[in-house]
Amino acid sequence: MKIDDKLKKIADYICENFEDLDMDDSVEEGYLDDYEEILGATEKVRYSLYP
């Protein structure tokens, strides 16, 4: 299983169990903008195995 497949499974699990995990909703709590200010948080980044 590739790393991106594992990450997809993790994301799916978090989405399905969001309430049970007692996580904050950044949009609902009003601090999504803080996350978006982090350099590159809203930009798509292309990862390559080769430099």
PDB file of N, CA and C in Angstrom:
ATOM      1  N   MET A   1       0.853  -1.173   0.000  1.00  0.00           N
ATOM      2  CA  MET A   1       0.000   0.000   0.000  1.00  0.00           C
ATOM      3  C   MET A   1       0.901   1.239   0.000  1.00  0.00           C
ATOM      4  N   LYS A   2       0.624   2.148  -0.912  1.00  0.00           N
ATOM      5  CA  LYS A   2       1.410   3.363  -1.035  1.00  0.00           C
ATOM      6  C   LYS A   2       1.023   4.352   0.066  1.00  0.00           C
ATOM      7  N   ILE A   3       1.923   5.291   0.328  1.00  0.00           N
ATOM      8  CA  ILE A   3       1.695   6.275   1.390  1.00  0.00           C
ATOM      9  C   ILE A   3       0.442   7.110   1.107  1.00  0.00           C
ATOM     10  N   ASP A   4       0.200   7.459  -0.156  1.00  0.00           N
ATOM     11  CA  ASP A   4      -0.988   8.264  -0.450  1.00  0.00           C
ATOM     12  C   ASP A   4      -2.279   7.485  -0.208  1.00  0.00           C
ATOM     13  N   ASP A   5      -2.236   6.171  -0.391  1.00  0.00           N
ATOM     14  CA  ASP A   5      -3.398   5.338  -0.069  1.00  0.00           C
ATOM     15  C   ASP A   5      -3.644   5.313   1.438  1.00  0.00           C
ATOM     16  N   LYS A   6      -2.563   5.244   2.202  1.00  0.00           N
ATOM     17  CA  LYS A   6      -2.685   5.248   3.661  1.00  0.00           C
ATOM     18  C   LYS A   6      -3.230   6.585   4.152  1.00  0.00           C
ATOM     19  N   LEU A   7      -2.741   7.683   3.574  1.00  0.00           N
ATOM     20  CA  LEU A   7      -3.225   9.005   3.967  1.00  0.00           C
ATOM     21  C   LEU A   7      -4.705   9.170   3.633  1.00  0.00           C
ATOM     22  N   LYS A   8      -5.125   8.640   2.506  1.00  0.00           N
ATOM     23  CA  LYS A   8      -6.542   8.700   2.122  1.00  0.00           C
ATOM     24  C   LYS A   8      -7.396   7.938   3.132  1.00  0.00           C
ATOM     25  N   LYS A   9      -6.920   6.775   3.564  1.00  0.00           N
ATOM     26  CA  LYS A   9      -7.666   5.996   4.555  1.00  0.00           C
ATOM     27  C   LYS A   9      -7.761   6.749   5.879  1.00  0.00           C
ATOM     28  N   ILE A  10      -6.681   7.424   6.265  1.00  0.00           N
ATOM     29  CA  ILE A  10      -6.681   8.209   7.503  1.00  0.00           C
ATOM     30  C   ILE A  10      -7.681   9.356   7.389  1.00  0.00           C
ATOM     31  N   ALA A  11      -7.651  10.071   6.264  1.00  0.00           N
ATOM     32  CA  ALA A  11      -8.577  11.188   6.057  1.00  0.00           C
ATOM     33  C   ALA A  11     -10.024  10.707   6.072  1.00  0.00           C
ATOM     34  N   ASP A  12     -10.286   9.586   5.430  1.00  0.00           N
ATOM     35  CA  ASP A  12     -11.642   9.025   5.433  1.00  0.00           C
ATOM     36  C   ASP A  12     -12.084   8.676   6.850  1.00  0.00           C
ATOM     37  N   TYR A  13     -11.187   8.085   7.621  1.00  0.00           N
ATOM     38  CA  TYR A  13     -11.511   7.712   9.003  1.00  0.00           C
ATOM     39  C   TYR A  13     -11.843   8.953   9.831  1.00  0.00           C
ATOM     40  N   ILE A  14     -11.025   9.993   9.690  1.00  0.00           N
ATOM     41  CA  ILE A  14     -11.253  11.219  10.457  1.00  0.00           C
ATOM     42  C   ILE A  14     -12.593  11.842  10.071  1.00  0.00           C
ATOM     43  N   CYS A  15     -12.883  11.888   8.774  1.00  0.00           N
ATOM     44  CA  CYS A  15     -14.156  12.462   8.323  1.00  0.00           C
ATOM     45  C   CYS A  15     -15.350  11.671   8.843  1.00  0.00           C
ATOM     46  N   GLU A  16     -15.243  10.364   8.843  1.00  0.00           N
ATOM     47  CA  GLU A  16     -16.346   9.515   9.296  1.00  0.00           C
ATOM     48  C   GLU A  16     -16.537   9.560  10.808  1.00  0.00           C
ATOM     49  N   ASN A  17     -15.473   9.830  11.550  1.00  0.00           N
ATOM     50  CA  ASN A  17     -15.532   9.776  13.012  1.00  0.00           C
ATOM     51  C   ASN A  17     -15.239  11.124  13.662  1.00  0.00           C
ATOM     52  N   PHE A  18     -15.484  12.206  12.930  1.00  0.00           N
ATOM     53  CA  PHE A  18     -15.133  13.547  13.389  1.00  0.00           C
ATOM     54  C   PHE A  18     -15.734  13.865  14.757  1.00  0.00           C
ATOM     55  N   GLU A  19     -17.013  13.626  14.917  1.00  0.00           N
ATOM     56  CA  GLU A  19     -17.694  13.935  16.181  1.00  0.00           C
ATOM     57  C   GLU A  19     -17.170  13.071  17.326  1.00  0.00           C
ATOM     58  N   ASP A  20     -16.963  11.797  17.070  1.00  0.00           N
ATOM     59  CA  ASP A  20     -16.485  10.886  18.112  1.00  0.00           C
ATOM     60  C   ASP A  20     -15.061  11.210  18.554  1.00  0.00           C
ATOM     61  N   LEU A  21     -14.265  11.791  17.652  1.00  0.00           N
ATOM     62  CA  LEU A  21     -12.881  12.132  17.979  1.00  0.00           C
ATOM     63  C   LEU A  21     -12.791  13.438  18.760  1.00  0.00           C
ATOM     64  N   ASP A  22     -13.924  14.148  18.903  1.00  0.00           N
ATOM     65  CA  ASP A  22     -14.004  15.406  19.651  1.00  0.00           C
ATOM     66  C   ASP A  22     -13.007  16.436  19.125  1.00  0.00           C
ATOM     67  N   MET A  23     -12.974  16.576  17.810  1.00  0.00           N
ATOM     68  CA  MET A  23     -12.081  17.541  17.178  1.00  0.00           C
ATOM     69  C   MET A  23     -12.828  18.844  16.949  1.00  0.00           C
ATOM     70  N   ASP A  24     -12.094  19.960  16.961  1.00  0.00           N
ATOM     71  CA  ASP A  24     -12.681  21.261  16.679  1.00  0.00           C
ATOM     72  C   ASP A  24     -12.869  21.421  15.180  1.00  0.00           C
ATOM     73  N   ASP A  25     -13.952  22.054  14.796  1.00  0.00           N
ATOM     74  CA  ASP A  25     -14.191  22.401  13.400  1.00  0.00           C
ATOM     75  C   ASP A  25     -13.643  23.807  13.196  1.00  0.00           C
ATOM     76  N   SER A  26     -12.565  23.927  12.434  1.00  0.00           N
ATOM     77  CA  SER A  26     -11.894  25.219  12.283  1.00  0.00           C
ATOM     78  C   SER A  26     -12.787  26.265  11.622  1.00  0.00           C
ATOM     79  N   VAL A  27     -13.685  25.862  10.748  1.00  0.00           N
ATOM     80  CA  VAL A  27     -14.607  26.808  10.129  1.00  0.00           C
ATOM     81  C   VAL A  27     -15.623  27.276  11.162  1.00  0.00           C
ATOM     82  N   GLU A  28     -16.204  26.338  11.884  1.00  0.00           N
ATOM     83  CA  GLU A  28     -17.208  26.668  12.893  1.00  0.00           C
ATOM     84  C   GLU A  28     -16.611  27.512  14.017  1.00  0.00           C
ATOM     85  N   GLU A  29     -15.390  27.208  14.408  1.00  0.00           N
ATOM     86  CA  GLU A  29     -14.744  27.929  15.498  1.00  0.00           C
ATOM     87  C   GLU A  29     -14.172  29.275  15.046  1.00  0.00           C
ATOM     88  N   GLY A  30     -14.076  29.492  13.733  1.00  0.00           N
ATOM     89  CA  GLY A  30     -13.641  30.786  13.217  1.00  0.00           C
ATOM     90  C   GLY A  30     -12.140  30.968  13.095  1.00  0.00           C
ATOM     91  N   TYR A  31     -11.375  29.916  13.096  1.00  0.00           N
ATOM     92  CA  TYR A  31      -9.933  30.093  12.953  1.00  0.00           C
ATOM     93  C   TYR A  31      -9.351  29.418  11.713  1.00  0.00           C
ATOM     94  N   LEU A  32     -10.187  29.201  10.703  1.00  0.00           N
ATOM     95  CA  LEU A  32      -9.692  28.657   9.441  1.00  0.00           C
ATOM     96  C   LEU A  32      -8.705  29.620   8.784  1.00  0.00           C
ATOM     97  N   ASP A  33      -8.978  30.927   8.882  1.00  0.00           N
ATOM     98  CA  ASP A  33      -8.081  31.917   8.284  1.00  0.00           C
ATOM     99  C   ASP A  33      -6.676  31.818   8.856  1.00  0.00           C
ATOM    100  N   ASP A  34      -6.563  31.489  10.142  1.00  0.00           N
ATOM    101  CA  ASP A  34      -5.242  31.336  10.752  1.00  0.00           C
ATOM    102  C   ASP A  34      -4.464  30.214  10.079  1.00  0.00           C
ATOM    103  N   TYR A  35      -5.145  29.120   9.771  1.00  0.00           N
ATOM    104  CA  TYR A  35      -4.487  28.001   9.103  1.00  0.00           C
ATOM    105  C   TYR A  35      -4.086  28.366   7.679  1.00  0.00           C
ATOM    106  N   GLU A  36      -4.948  29.114   6.993  1.00  0.00           N
ATOM    107  CA  GLU A  36      -4.666  29.468   5.606  1.00  0.00           C
ATOM    108  C   GLU A  36      -3.495  30.430   5.488  1.00  0.00           C
ATOM    109  N   GLU A  37      -3.188  31.162   6.559  1.00  0.00           N
ATOM    110  CA  GLU A  37      -2.059  32.080   6.529  1.00  0.00           C
ATOM    111  C   GLU A  37      -0.722  31.358   6.586  1.00  0.00           C
ATOM    112  N   ILE A  38      -0.745  30.103   7.004  1.00  0.00           N
ATOM    113  CA  ILE A  38       0.486  29.327   7.050  1.00  0.00           C
ATOM    114  C   ILE A  38       1.002  29.183   5.627  1.00  0.00           C
ATOM    115  N   LEU A  39       2.269  29.473   5.433  1.00  0.00           N
ATOM    116  CA  LEU A  39       2.866  29.457   4.101  1.00  0.00           C
ATOM    117  C   LEU A  39       2.594  28.139   3.392  1.00  0.00           C
ATOM    118  N   GLY A  40       1.955  28.215   2.249  1.00  0.00           N
ATOM    119  CA  GLY A  40       1.709  27.043   1.431  1.00  0.00           C
ATOM    120  C   GLY A  40       0.487  26.235   1.805  1.00  0.00           C
ATOM    121  N   ALA A  41      -0.244  26.648   2.818  1.00  0.00           N
ATOM    122  CA  ALA A  41      -1.386  25.849   3.268  1.00  0.00           C
ATOM    123  C   ALA A  41      -2.494  25.783   2.228  1.00  0.00           C
ATOM    124  N   THR A  42      -2.630  26.822   1.411  1.00  0.00           N
ATOM    125  CA  THR A  42      -3.695  26.817   0.419  1.00  0.00           C
ATOM    126  C   THR A  42      -3.172  26.586  -0.993  1.00  0.00           C
ATOM    127  N   GLU A  43      -1.867  26.418  -1.122  1.00  0.00           N
ATOM    128  CA  GLU A  43      -1.284  26.185  -2.438  1.00  0.00           C
ATOM    129  C   GLU A  43      -1.113  24.692  -2.667  1.00  0.00           C
ATOM    130  N   LYS A  44      -1.359  24.273  -3.893  1.00  0.00           N
ATOM    131  CA  LYS A  44      -1.100  22.877  -4.229  1.00  0.00           C
ATOM    132  C   LYS A  44       0.400  22.719  -4.436  1.00  0.00           C
ATOM    133  N   VAL A  45       0.951  21.721  -3.818  1.00  0.00           N
ATOM    134  CA  VAL A  45       2.381  21.480  -3.904  1.00  0.00           C
ATOM    135  C   VAL A  45       2.596  20.171  -4.638  1.00  0.00           C
ATOM    136  N   ARG A  46       3.498  20.182  -5.591  1.00  0.00           N
ATOM    137  CA  ARG A  46       3.799  18.962  -6.329  1.00  0.00           C
ATOM    138  C   ARG A  46       5.034  18.338  -5.708  1.00  0.00           C
ATOM    139  N   TYR A  47       4.878  17.121  -5.244  1.00  0.00           N
ATOM    140  CA  TYR A  47       5.987  16.406  -4.646  1.00  0.00           C
ATOM    141  C   TYR A  47       6.592  15.473  -5.678  1.00  0.00           C
ATOM    142  N   SER A  48       7.901  15.415  -5.673  1.00  0.00           N
ATOM    143  CA  SER A  48       8.600  14.552  -6.606  1.00  0.00           C
ATOM    144  C   SER A  48       9.584  13.697  -5.834  1.00  0.00           C
ATOM    145  N   LEU A  49       9.779  12.487  -6.290  1.00  0.00           N
ATOM    146  CA  LEU A  49      10.768  11.620  -5.666  1.00  0.00           C
ATOM    147  C   LEU A  49      12.176  12.034  -6.045  1.00  0.00           C
ATOM    148  N   TYR A  50      12.268  12.847  -7.082  1.00  0.00           N
ATOM    149  CA  TYR A  50      13.583  13.246  -7.584  1.00  0.00           C
ATOM    150  C   TYR A  50      13.757  14.749  -7.442  1.00  0.00           C
ATOM    151  N   PRO A  51      14.893  15.188  -6.913  1.00  0.00           N
ATOM    152  CA  PRO A  51      15.126  16.635  -6.734  1.00  0.00           C
ATOM    153  C   PRO A  51      15.294  17.377  -8.040  1.00  0.00           C
TER     154      PRO A  51
END
